[in-house]
C-alpha cells in the first residue's frame, strides 16, 4: 500500500468517526465497512508505537 492510499484511508476513517458523533448507529456501520483488515492492523500498530514512545519519553 503506498502512502497516498494510506492517507486516503486514514482521512476516510477520520470522517467516519466524525460522522459517528452525529449519528452513532449509522456512523459505526460506515466505520466497520470502511476499515479493512490491513488498515485496522496499521492503525492499531501506530497507536501501540505512539503509546510506547510517549510512555518512554514521560519516564525521562
C-alpha atoms as a PDB file:
ATOM      1  CA  UNK A   1       0.000   0.000   0.000  1.00  0.00           C
ATOM      2  CA  UNK A   2       1.543   3.320  -0.990  1.00  0.00           C
ATOM      3  CA  UNK A   3       1.467   6.444   1.175  1.00  0.00           C
ATOM      4  CA  UNK A   4      -1.288   8.151  -0.814  1.00  0.00           C
ATOM      5  CA  UNK A   5      -3.736   5.314  -0.350  1.00  0.00           C
ATOM      6  CA  UNK A   6      -2.900   5.027   3.330  1.00  0.00           C
ATOM      7  CA  UNK A   7      -3.549   8.738   3.803  1.00  0.00           C
ATOM      8  CA  UNK A   8      -6.853   8.435   1.963  1.00  0.00           C
ATOM      9  CA  UNK A   9      -7.862   5.507   4.150  1.00  0.00           C
ATOM     10  CA  UNK A  10      -6.977   7.373   7.342  1.00  0.00           C
ATOM     11  CA  UNK A  11      -8.836  10.524   6.255  1.00  0.00           C
ATOM     12  CA  UNK A  12     -11.858   8.432   5.327  1.00  0.00           C
ATOM     13  CA  UNK A  13     -11.766   6.666   8.679  1.00  0.00           C
ATOM     14  CA  UNK A  14     -11.490  10.010  10.495  1.00  0.00           C
ATOM     15  CA  UNK A  15     -14.510  11.274   8.567  1.00  0.00           C
ATOM     16  CA  UNK A  16     -16.455   8.177   9.540  1.00  0.00           C
ATOM     17  CA  UNK A  17     -15.518   8.694  13.183  1.00  0.00           C
ATOM     18  CA  UNK A  18     -16.751  12.293  12.966  1.00  0.00           C
ATOM     19  CA  UNK A  19     -19.992  11.036  11.424  1.00  0.00           C
ATOM     20  CA  UNK A  20     -20.385   8.655  14.343  1.00  0.00           C
ATOM     21  CA  UNK A  21     -20.741  11.643  16.670  1.00  0.00           C
ATOM     22  CA  UNK A  22     -23.738  12.885  14.674  1.00  0.00           C
ATOM     23  CA  UNK A  23     -25.461   9.526  14.102  1.00  0.00           C
ATOM     24  CA  UNK A  24     -23.853   6.769  16.181  1.00  0.00           C
ATOM     25  CA  UNK A  25     -25.704   3.802  14.690  1.00  0.00           C
ATOM     26  CA  UNK A  26     -25.087   4.665  11.040  1.00  0.00           C
ATOM     27  CA  UNK A  27     -21.603   6.022  11.771  1.00  0.00           C
ATOM     28  CA  UNK A  28     -20.428   2.758  13.321  1.00  0.00           C
ATOM     29  CA  UNK A  29     -21.854   0.864  10.365  1.00  0.00           C
ATOM     30  CA  UNK A  30     -19.875   3.046   7.933  1.00  0.00           C
ATOM     31  CA  UNK A  31     -16.747   2.779  10.068  1.00  0.00           C
ATOM     32  CA  UNK A  32     -16.857  -1.015  10.095  1.00  0.00           C
ATOM     33  CA  UNK A  33     -17.354  -1.095   6.330  1.00  0.00           C
ATOM     34  CA  UNK A  34     -14.501   1.362   5.675  1.00  0.00           C
ATOM     35  CA  UNK A  35     -11.839  -0.366   7.754  1.00  0.00           C
ATOM     36  CA  UNK A  36     -10.209  -3.290   6.034  1.00  0.00           C
ATOM     37  CA  UNK A  37      -8.077  -5.766   7.925  1.00  0.00           C
ATOM     38  CA  UNK A  38      -4.822  -4.204   6.720  1.00  0.00           C
ATOM     39  CA  UNK A  39      -5.927  -0.672   7.632  1.00  0.00           C
ATOM     40  CA  UNK A  40      -7.083  -1.803  11.065  1.00  0.00           C
ATOM     41  CA  UNK A  41      -3.747  -3.502  11.763  1.00  0.00           C
ATOM     42  CA  UNK A  42      -1.826  -0.436  10.539  1.00  0.00           C
ATOM     43  CA  UNK A  43      -3.819   1.938  12.749  1.00  0.00           C
ATOM     44  CA  UNK A  44      -3.538  -0.387  15.753  1.00  0.00           C
ATOM     45  CA  UNK A  45       0.230  -0.723  15.275  1.00  0.00           C
ATOM     46  CA  UNK A  46       0.544   3.065  15.020  1.00  0.00           C
ATOM     47  CA  UNK A  47      -1.385   3.509  18.250  1.00  0.00           C
ATOM     48  CA  UNK A  48       0.807   0.986  20.071  1.00  0.00           C
ATOM     49  CA  UNK A  49       4.022   2.571  18.808  1.00  0.00           C
ATOM     50  CA  UNK A  50       2.758   6.046  19.732  1.00  0.00           C
ATOM     51  CA  UNK A  51       1.808   4.865  23.197  1.00  0.00           C
ATOM     52  CA  UNK A  52       5.195   3.248  23.783  1.00  0.00           C
ATOM     53  CA  UNK A  53       7.060   6.350  22.560  1.00  0.00           C
ATOM     54  CA  UNK A  54       5.007   8.650  24.776  1.00  0.00           C
ATOM     55  CA  UNK A  55       5.498   6.351  27.753  1.00  0.00           C
ATOM     56  CA  UNK A  56       9.259   6.160  27.282  1.00  0.00           C
ATOM     57  CA  UNK A  57       9.547   9.958  26.974  1.00  0.00           C
ATOM     58  CA  UNK A  58       7.468  10.503  30.099  1.00  0.00           C
ATOM     59  CA  UNK A  59       9.829   8.391  32.213  1.00  0.00           C
ATOM     60  CA  UNK A  60      12.835  10.588  31.434  1.00  0.00           C
END
